[in-house]
N, C-alpha and C. Protein backbone atom coordinates (compact mmCIF):
# COMPACT_ATOMS: atom_id res chain seq x y z
N MET A 1 -52.74 10.52 18.25
CA MET A 1 -51.99 11.45 17.35
C MET A 1 -52.54 12.86 17.48
N GLY A 2 -51.78 13.84 17.78
CA GLY A 2 -52.19 15.13 18.00
C GLY A 2 -52.66 15.87 16.77
N GLU A 3 -53.07 17.01 16.90
CA GLU A 3 -53.58 17.87 15.87
C GLU A 3 -52.51 18.10 14.75
N ASN A 4 -52.92 18.07 13.50
CA ASN A 4 -51.93 18.23 12.32
C ASN A 4 -50.93 16.96 12.33
N GLY A 5 -51.14 15.93 12.97
CA GLY A 5 -50.13 14.87 12.86
C GLY A 5 -48.98 15.18 13.63
N LYS A 6 -48.89 16.12 14.56
CA LYS A 6 -47.76 16.32 15.44
C LYS A 6 -47.71 15.31 16.55
N ARG A 7 -46.49 14.81 16.84
CA ARG A 7 -46.37 13.81 17.95
C ARG A 7 -45.21 14.40 18.76
N PRO A 8 -45.04 13.96 19.97
CA PRO A 8 -43.98 14.44 20.87
C PRO A 8 -42.54 14.30 20.37
N LEU A 9 -42.37 13.10 19.65
CA LEU A 9 -41.08 12.95 19.05
C LEU A 9 -40.72 13.72 17.87
N ASP A 10 -41.69 14.63 17.36
CA ASP A 10 -41.52 15.48 16.33
C ASP A 10 -40.60 16.44 16.73
N ALA A 11 -40.63 17.02 18.00
CA ALA A 11 -39.67 18.00 18.51
C ALA A 11 -38.25 17.58 18.31
N LEU A 12 -37.89 16.26 18.72
CA LEU A 12 -36.48 15.73 18.62
C LEU A 12 -36.21 15.59 17.03
N GLU A 13 -37.11 15.27 16.19
CA GLU A 13 -36.76 15.03 14.82
C GLU A 13 -36.38 16.41 14.27
N LYS A 14 -37.08 17.51 14.65
CA LYS A 14 -36.64 18.93 14.26
C LYS A 14 -35.32 19.27 14.79
N ALA A 15 -34.77 18.69 15.94
CA ALA A 15 -33.65 19.10 16.67
C ALA A 15 -32.40 18.17 16.12
N ARG A 16 -32.71 17.15 15.21
CA ARG A 16 -31.68 16.32 14.66
C ARG A 16 -30.59 17.33 13.91
N GLY A 17 -29.37 17.00 14.28
CA GLY A 17 -28.33 17.70 13.59
C GLY A 17 -27.92 18.98 14.46
N LYS A 18 -28.77 19.36 15.50
CA LYS A 18 -28.50 20.47 16.36
C LYS A 18 -28.24 20.00 17.70
N ARG A 19 -27.71 20.95 18.61
CA ARG A 19 -27.47 20.65 20.01
C ARG A 19 -28.60 20.59 20.78
N ILE A 20 -28.70 19.54 21.62
CA ILE A 20 -29.79 19.38 22.76
C ILE A 20 -29.19 19.18 24.03
N ILE A 21 -29.92 19.17 25.01
CA ILE A 21 -29.65 18.95 26.48
C ILE A 21 -30.62 17.92 26.94
N ALA A 22 -30.01 16.94 27.49
CA ALA A 22 -30.71 15.80 28.08
C ALA A 22 -30.59 15.90 29.60
N HIS A 23 -31.81 15.82 30.24
CA HIS A 23 -31.67 15.73 31.82
C HIS A 23 -31.96 14.41 32.18
N LEU A 24 -31.03 13.91 32.89
CA LEU A 24 -31.12 12.51 33.38
C LEU A 24 -31.75 12.19 34.71
N LYS A 25 -32.06 10.99 35.11
CA LYS A 25 -32.67 10.68 36.26
C LYS A 25 -31.62 10.83 37.53
N ASN A 26 -30.46 10.68 37.30
CA ASN A 26 -29.42 10.88 38.31
C ASN A 26 -28.98 12.29 38.56
N GLY A 27 -29.73 13.31 37.96
CA GLY A 27 -29.51 14.74 38.09
C GLY A 27 -28.48 15.31 37.07
N GLU A 28 -27.77 14.43 36.33
CA GLU A 28 -26.86 15.03 35.45
C GLU A 28 -27.54 15.61 34.20
N LYS A 29 -26.79 16.54 33.49
CA LYS A 29 -27.14 17.06 32.29
C LYS A 29 -26.15 16.72 31.10
N ILE A 30 -26.56 16.25 30.03
CA ILE A 30 -25.64 15.93 29.00
C ILE A 30 -26.08 16.73 27.72
N SER A 31 -25.18 17.46 27.27
CA SER A 31 -25.36 18.37 26.15
C SER A 31 -24.64 17.74 24.83
N GLY A 32 -25.16 17.80 23.65
CA GLY A 32 -24.47 17.46 22.52
C GLY A 32 -25.40 17.52 21.17
N LYS A 33 -24.68 17.14 20.07
CA LYS A 33 -25.43 17.29 18.87
C LYS A 33 -26.17 15.97 18.60
N LEU A 34 -27.41 16.16 18.47
CA LEU A 34 -28.27 15.01 18.31
C LEU A 34 -28.06 14.30 16.84
N VAL A 35 -27.58 13.13 16.81
CA VAL A 35 -27.35 12.38 15.53
C VAL A 35 -28.44 11.53 15.19
N ALA A 36 -29.05 10.77 16.20
CA ALA A 36 -30.16 10.03 15.95
C ALA A 36 -30.78 9.69 17.38
N PHE A 37 -32.06 9.18 17.33
CA PHE A 37 -32.80 8.63 18.49
C PHE A 37 -33.74 7.61 18.05
N ASP A 38 -34.32 6.89 19.09
CA ASP A 38 -35.24 5.83 18.67
C ASP A 38 -36.55 6.07 19.62
N LEU A 39 -37.55 5.30 19.37
CA LEU A 39 -38.93 5.24 20.28
C LEU A 39 -38.57 5.21 21.64
N HIS A 40 -37.37 4.52 22.08
CA HIS A 40 -37.23 4.41 23.54
C HIS A 40 -36.53 5.57 23.98
N LEU A 41 -36.29 6.61 23.35
CA LEU A 41 -35.50 7.78 23.53
C LEU A 41 -34.00 7.56 23.87
N ASN A 42 -33.51 6.51 23.26
CA ASN A 42 -32.12 6.35 23.33
C ASN A 42 -31.52 7.40 22.37
N LEU A 43 -30.54 8.25 22.75
CA LEU A 43 -29.99 9.38 22.20
C LEU A 43 -28.53 9.22 21.68
N TRP A 44 -28.23 9.31 20.40
CA TRP A 44 -26.86 9.26 19.97
C TRP A 44 -26.39 10.74 19.88
N LEU A 45 -25.43 11.05 20.57
CA LEU A 45 -24.97 12.47 20.55
C LEU A 45 -23.41 12.44 20.26
N GLU A 46 -23.10 13.41 19.45
CA GLU A 46 -21.69 13.71 19.16
C GLU A 46 -21.23 15.07 19.88
N ASN A 47 -20.01 15.01 20.00
CA ASN A 47 -19.37 16.25 20.73
C ASN A 47 -20.23 16.48 22.15
N ALA A 48 -20.46 15.45 22.75
CA ALA A 48 -21.17 15.48 24.03
C ALA A 48 -20.35 16.07 25.15
N GLU A 49 -21.07 16.79 26.03
CA GLU A 49 -20.48 17.14 27.26
C GLU A 49 -21.35 16.93 28.49
N LYS A 50 -20.69 16.74 29.56
CA LYS A 50 -21.48 16.55 30.83
C LYS A 50 -21.53 18.09 31.34
N VAL A 51 -22.74 18.65 31.63
CA VAL A 51 -22.79 19.97 32.24
C VAL A 51 -22.99 19.88 33.68
N GLY A 52 -22.08 20.56 34.42
CA GLY A 52 -21.92 20.52 35.73
C GLY A 52 -22.42 21.93 36.43
N ASP A 53 -22.21 22.13 37.62
CA ASP A 53 -22.61 23.38 38.27
C ASP A 53 -21.78 24.58 37.77
N GLN A 54 -22.24 25.61 37.75
CA GLN A 54 -21.65 26.87 37.16
C GLN A 54 -21.27 26.63 35.81
N ASP A 55 -21.95 25.94 35.08
CA ASP A 55 -21.76 25.50 33.58
C ASP A 55 -20.53 24.95 33.34
N SER A 56 -19.74 24.31 34.38
CA SER A 56 -18.45 23.58 34.03
C SER A 56 -18.96 22.31 33.01
N LYS A 57 -17.87 22.07 32.28
CA LYS A 57 -18.23 20.97 31.38
C LYS A 57 -17.10 20.03 31.25
N MET A 58 -17.49 18.76 31.03
CA MET A 58 -16.51 17.67 30.82
C MET A 58 -16.72 16.94 29.50
N ARG A 59 -15.75 16.96 28.71
CA ARG A 59 -16.01 16.47 27.21
C ARG A 59 -16.25 14.92 27.32
N LEU A 60 -17.21 14.45 26.62
CA LEU A 60 -17.54 12.97 26.57
C LEU A 60 -17.22 12.50 25.22
N GLY A 61 -17.26 13.35 24.22
CA GLY A 61 -17.28 12.75 22.80
C GLY A 61 -18.55 12.29 22.12
N THR A 62 -18.39 11.11 21.45
CA THR A 62 -19.64 10.43 20.96
C THR A 62 -20.09 9.46 21.96
N ILE A 63 -21.42 9.63 22.23
CA ILE A 63 -21.99 8.72 23.32
C ILE A 63 -23.42 8.18 22.81
N VAL A 64 -23.85 7.32 23.45
CA VAL A 64 -25.44 6.93 23.39
C VAL A 64 -25.88 6.99 24.80
N VAL A 65 -26.89 7.76 24.99
CA VAL A 65 -27.49 7.91 26.16
C VAL A 65 -28.86 7.12 26.21
N ARG A 66 -28.83 6.03 27.05
CA ARG A 66 -29.95 5.14 27.10
C ARG A 66 -31.14 5.84 27.69
N GLY A 67 -32.30 5.63 26.84
CA GLY A 67 -33.55 6.27 26.93
C GLY A 67 -34.11 6.16 28.44
N ASP A 68 -33.84 4.88 29.04
CA ASP A 68 -34.38 4.72 30.38
C ASP A 68 -33.94 5.75 31.44
N ASN A 69 -32.74 6.46 31.14
CA ASN A 69 -32.08 7.32 32.11
C ASN A 69 -32.59 8.83 31.81
N VAL A 70 -33.37 9.04 30.64
CA VAL A 70 -33.67 10.39 30.18
C VAL A 70 -35.06 10.80 30.94
N ILE A 71 -35.12 11.94 31.51
CA ILE A 71 -36.29 12.54 32.10
C ILE A 71 -36.91 13.29 30.92
N PHE A 72 -35.94 14.26 30.30
CA PHE A 72 -36.54 14.96 29.18
C PHE A 72 -35.28 15.42 28.33
N ALA A 73 -35.60 15.82 27.17
CA ALA A 73 -34.61 16.28 26.42
C ALA A 73 -35.26 17.46 25.45
N SER A 74 -34.32 18.38 25.31
CA SER A 74 -34.82 19.62 24.61
C SER A 74 -33.70 20.41 23.82
N PRO A 75 -34.03 21.13 22.87
CA PRO A 75 -33.11 21.87 22.11
C PRO A 75 -32.46 22.88 23.01
N GLU A 76 -31.12 23.20 22.91
CA GLU A 76 -30.29 24.05 23.66
C GLU A 76 -30.61 25.51 23.27
């Protein structure tokens, strides 16, 4: 455990209810409002969008991104 009890997943906890972007192993980026997550980094996103080149977006709605596919996730 890090200094002052801070853990890597604390950043995601602070982002709960806010928009995040997840970078996936296949090169895709998924943006959405973080509803929930678990220790495997499975992400439940609402109003999710697949972000493409030149910031084109494809609406996905409510999805679960499997943690095995996530390289990293961060607040937008």
